[in-house]
Amino acid sequence: MRALAVGDGQAPPAAADAPNVQELGVSWIDGAFAESACRKSTPAALRKRMSDLWAALNNDPEMKELAAEEAVSSW
Protein backbone atom coordinates (compact mmCIF):
# COMPACT_ATOMS: atom_id res chain seq x y z
CA MET A 1 0.00 0.00 0.00
CA ARG A 2 1.09 3.57 -0.56
CA ALA A 3 -0.28 6.94 0.42
CA LEU A 4 -1.84 8.85 -2.46
CA ALA A 5 -2.41 12.07 -0.52
CA VAL A 6 -2.69 13.41 3.00
CA GLY A 7 -5.42 15.68 4.30
CA ASP A 8 -3.82 17.47 7.22
CA GLY A 9 -1.28 19.63 5.45
CA GLN A 10 1.91 17.62 5.91
CA ALA A 11 2.63 13.96 5.31
CA PRO A 12 4.03 11.86 8.15
CA PRO A 13 7.54 10.44 7.63
CA ALA A 14 6.15 7.10 6.41
CA ALA A 15 4.38 8.91 3.55
CA ALA A 16 6.81 11.77 3.02
CA ASP A 17 6.46 11.60 -0.77
CA ALA A 18 2.65 11.92 -0.70
CA PRO A 19 1.24 15.34 -1.65
CA ASN A 20 -1.32 17.04 0.55
CA VAL A 21 -4.79 17.54 -0.89
CA GLN A 22 -4.23 21.27 -1.44
CA GLU A 23 -1.29 20.45 -3.73
CA LEU A 24 -3.76 18.38 -5.74
CA GLY A 25 -6.13 21.33 -6.07
CA VAL A 26 -8.58 20.45 -3.31
CA SER A 27 -9.32 23.32 -0.94
CA TRP A 28 -9.71 21.19 2.14
CA ILE A 29 -7.63 20.29 5.20
CA ASP A 30 -8.65 17.58 7.66
CA GLY A 31 -6.68 14.87 9.38
CA ALA A 32 -9.65 12.72 10.36
CA PHE A 33 -10.43 11.03 7.05
CA ALA A 34 -8.69 7.94 5.77
CA GLU A 35 -9.43 5.62 2.93
CA SER A 36 -7.72 2.80 1.13
CA ALA A 37 -8.18 1.45 -2.35
CA CYS A 38 -6.90 -1.35 -4.53
CA ARG A 39 -6.99 -2.27 -8.18
CA LYS A 40 -10.18 -3.74 -9.56
CA SER A 41 -8.20 -6.88 -10.45
CA THR A 42 -7.18 -7.48 -6.80
CA PRO A 43 -8.38 -10.97 -5.80
CA ALA A 44 -11.50 -11.03 -3.62
CA ALA A 45 -9.67 -12.82 -0.81
CA LEU A 46 -7.07 -10.06 -0.62
CA ARG A 47 -9.72 -7.32 -0.72
CA LYS A 48 -11.51 -9.09 2.14
CA ARG A 49 -8.25 -9.37 4.10
CA MET A 50 -7.57 -5.65 3.67
CA SER A 51 -11.10 -4.83 4.77
CA ASP A 52 -10.79 -7.07 7.82
CA LEU A 53 -7.47 -5.48 8.79
CA TRP A 54 -8.95 -1.95 8.60
CA ALA A 55 -11.93 -3.07 10.67
CA ALA A 56 -9.64 -4.59 13.30
CA LEU A 57 -7.57 -1.41 13.43
CA ASN A 58 -10.65 0.79 13.76
CA ASN A 59 -12.00 -1.40 16.56
CA ASP A 60 -8.73 -1.76 18.48
CA PRO A 61 -9.07 -0.13 21.94
CA GLU A 62 -5.50 1.24 21.87
CA MET A 63 -6.06 2.75 18.42
CA LYS A 64 -9.33 4.32 19.57
CA GLU A 65 -7.52 5.84 22.54
CA LEU A 66 -4.74 7.22 20.33
CA ALA A 67 -7.29 8.69 17.92
CA ALA A 68 -9.17 10.33 20.79
CA GLU A 69 -5.93 11.81 22.16
CA GLU A 70 -5.00 13.14 18.72
CA ALA A 71 -8.45 14.69 18.29
CA VAL A 72 -8.15 16.45 21.65
CA SER A 73 -4.61 17.68 21.00
CA SER A 74 -5.66 19.08 17.61
CA TRP A 75 -8.16 21.46 19.15
C-alpha atoms as a PDB file:
ATOM      1  CA  MET A   1       0.000   0.000   0.000  1.00  0.00           C
ATOM      2  CA  ARG A   2       1.089   3.569  -0.557  1.00  0.00           C
ATOM      3  CA  ALA A   3      -0.278   6.937   0.418  1.00  0.00           C
ATOM      4  CA  LEU A   4      -1.844   8.851  -2.457  1.00  0.00           C
ATOM      5  CA  ALA A   5      -2.409  12.071  -0.519  1.00  0.00           C
ATOM      6  CA  VAL A   6      -2.695  13.410   3.000  1.00  0.00           C
ATOM      7  CA  GLY A   7      -5.416  15.679   4.298  1.00  0.00           C
ATOM      8  CA  ASP A   8      -3.821  17.465   7.216  1.00  0.00           C
ATOM      9  CA  GLY A   9      -1.281  19.628   5.450  1.00  0.00           C
ATOM     10  CA  GLN A  10       1.912  17.618   5.911  1.00  0.00           C
ATOM     11  CA  ALA A  11       2.630  13.957   5.311  1.00  0.00           C
ATOM     12  CA  PRO A  12       4.031  11.860   8.148  1.00  0.00           C
ATOM     13  CA  PRO A  13       7.543  10.443   7.634  1.00  0.00           C
ATOM     14  CA  ALA A  14       6.151   7.100   6.415  1.00  0.00           C
ATOM     15  CA  ALA A  15       4.385   8.908   3.555  1.00  0.00           C
ATOM     16  CA  ALA A  16       6.806  11.774   3.019  1.00  0.00           C
ATOM     17  CA  ASP A  17       6.463  11.605  -0.770  1.00  0.00           C
ATOM     18  CA  ALA A  18       2.647  11.921  -0.699  1.00  0.00           C
ATOM     19  CA  PRO A  19       1.242  15.337  -1.647  1.00  0.00           C
ATOM     20  CA  ASN A  20      -1.315  17.041   0.549  1.00  0.00           C
ATOM     21  CA  VAL A  21      -4.786  17.539  -0.885  1.00  0.00           C
ATOM     22  CA  GLN A  22      -4.228  21.266  -1.443  1.00  0.00           C
ATOM     23  CA  GLU A  23      -1.291  20.453  -3.725  1.00  0.00           C
ATOM     24  CA  LEU A  24      -3.760  18.383  -5.736  1.00  0.00           C
ATOM     25  CA  GLY A  25      -6.135  21.331  -6.071  1.00  0.00           C
ATOM     26  CA  VAL A  26      -8.577  20.453  -3.305  1.00  0.00           C
ATOM     27  CA  SER A  27      -9.324  23.324  -0.937  1.00  0.00           C
ATOM     28  CA  TRP A  28      -9.715  21.187   2.142  1.00  0.00           C
ATOM     29  CA  ILE A  29      -7.631  20.288   5.200  1.00  0.00           C
ATOM     30  CA  ASP A  30      -8.649  17.579   7.657  1.00  0.00           C
ATOM     31  CA  GLY A  31      -6.675  14.870   9.378  1.00  0.00           C
ATOM     32  CA  ALA A  32      -9.652  12.722  10.358  1.00  0.00           C
ATOM     33  CA  PHE A  33     -10.429  11.029   7.047  1.00  0.00           C
ATOM     34  CA  ALA A  34      -8.688   7.940   5.773  1.00  0.00           C
ATOM     35  CA  GLU A  35      -9.428   5.618   2.930  1.00  0.00           C
ATOM     36  CA  SER A  36      -7.723   2.804   1.129  1.00  0.00           C
ATOM     37  CA  ALA A  37      -8.177   1.445  -2.346  1.00  0.00           C
ATOM     38  CA  CYS A  38      -6.900  -1.354  -4.526  1.00  0.00           C
ATOM     39  CA  ARG A  39      -6.994  -2.272  -8.177  1.00  0.00           C
ATOM     40  CA  LYS A  40     -10.180  -3.742  -9.562  1.00  0.00           C
ATOM     41  CA  SER A  41      -8.199  -6.878 -10.447  1.00  0.00           C
ATOM     42  CA  THR A  42      -7.181  -7.484  -6.800  1.00  0.00           C
ATOM     43  CA  PRO A  43      -8.377 -10.972  -5.798  1.00  0.00           C
ATOM     44  CA  ALA A  44     -11.500 -11.025  -3.621  1.00  0.00           C
ATOM     45  CA  ALA A  45      -9.672 -12.825  -0.807  1.00  0.00           C
ATOM     46  CA  LEU A  46      -7.066 -10.062  -0.619  1.00  0.00           C
ATOM     47  CA  ARG A  47      -9.720  -7.319  -0.719  1.00  0.00           C
ATOM     48  CA  LYS A  48     -11.508  -9.088   2.140  1.00  0.00           C
ATOM     49  CA  ARG A  49      -8.247  -9.369   4.098  1.00  0.00           C
ATOM     50  CA  MET A  50      -7.566  -5.648   3.673  1.00  0.00           C
ATOM     51  CA  SER A  51     -11.100  -4.828   4.774  1.00  0.00           C
ATOM     52  CA  ASP A  52     -10.792  -7.070   7.819  1.00  0.00           C
ATOM     53  CA  LEU A  53      -7.469  -5.475   8.788  1.00  0.00           C
ATOM     54  CA  TRP A  54      -8.948  -1.949   8.602  1.00  0.00           C
ATOM     55  CA  ALA A  55     -11.933  -3.070  10.666  1.00  0.00           C
ATOM     56  CA  ALA A  56      -9.643  -4.586  13.296  1.00  0.00           C
ATOM     57  CA  LEU A  57      -7.572  -1.413  13.428  1.00  0.00           C
ATOM     58  CA  ASN A  58     -10.645   0.793  13.765  1.00  0.00           C
ATOM     59  CA  ASN A  59     -12.002  -1.401  16.564  1.00  0.00           C
ATOM     60  CA  ASP A  60      -8.732  -1.759  18.477  1.00  0.00           C
ATOM     61  CA  PRO A  61      -9.067  -0.132  21.939  1.00  0.00           C
ATOM     62  CA  GLU A  62      -5.502   1.238  21.869  1.00  0.00           C
ATOM     63  CA  MET A  63      -6.064   2.755  18.425  1.00  0.00           C
ATOM     64  CA  LYS A  64      -9.329   4.324  19.570  1.00  0.00           C
ATOM     65  CA  GLU A  65      -7.522   5.844  22.540  1.00  0.00           C
ATOM     66  CA  LEU A  66      -4.737   7.219  20.335  1.00  0.00           C
ATOM     67  CA  ALA A  67      -7.289   8.688  17.915  1.00  0.00           C
ATOM     68  CA  ALA A  68      -9.169  10.332  20.791  1.00  0.00           C
ATOM     69  CA  GLU A  69      -5.933  11.809  22.162  1.00  0.00           C
ATOM     70  CA  GLU A  70      -5.005  13.137  18.724  1.00  0.00           C
ATOM     71  CA  ALA A  71      -8.447  14.695  18.292  1.00  0.00           C
ATOM     72  CA  VAL A  72      -8.151  16.454  21.649  1.00  0.00           C
ATOM     73  CA  SER A  73      -4.607  17.682  21.001  1.00  0.00           C
ATOM     74  CA  SER A  74      -5.656  19.075  17.610  1.00  0.00           C
ATOM     75  CA  TRP A  75      -8.157  21.464  19.150  1.00  0.00           C
END
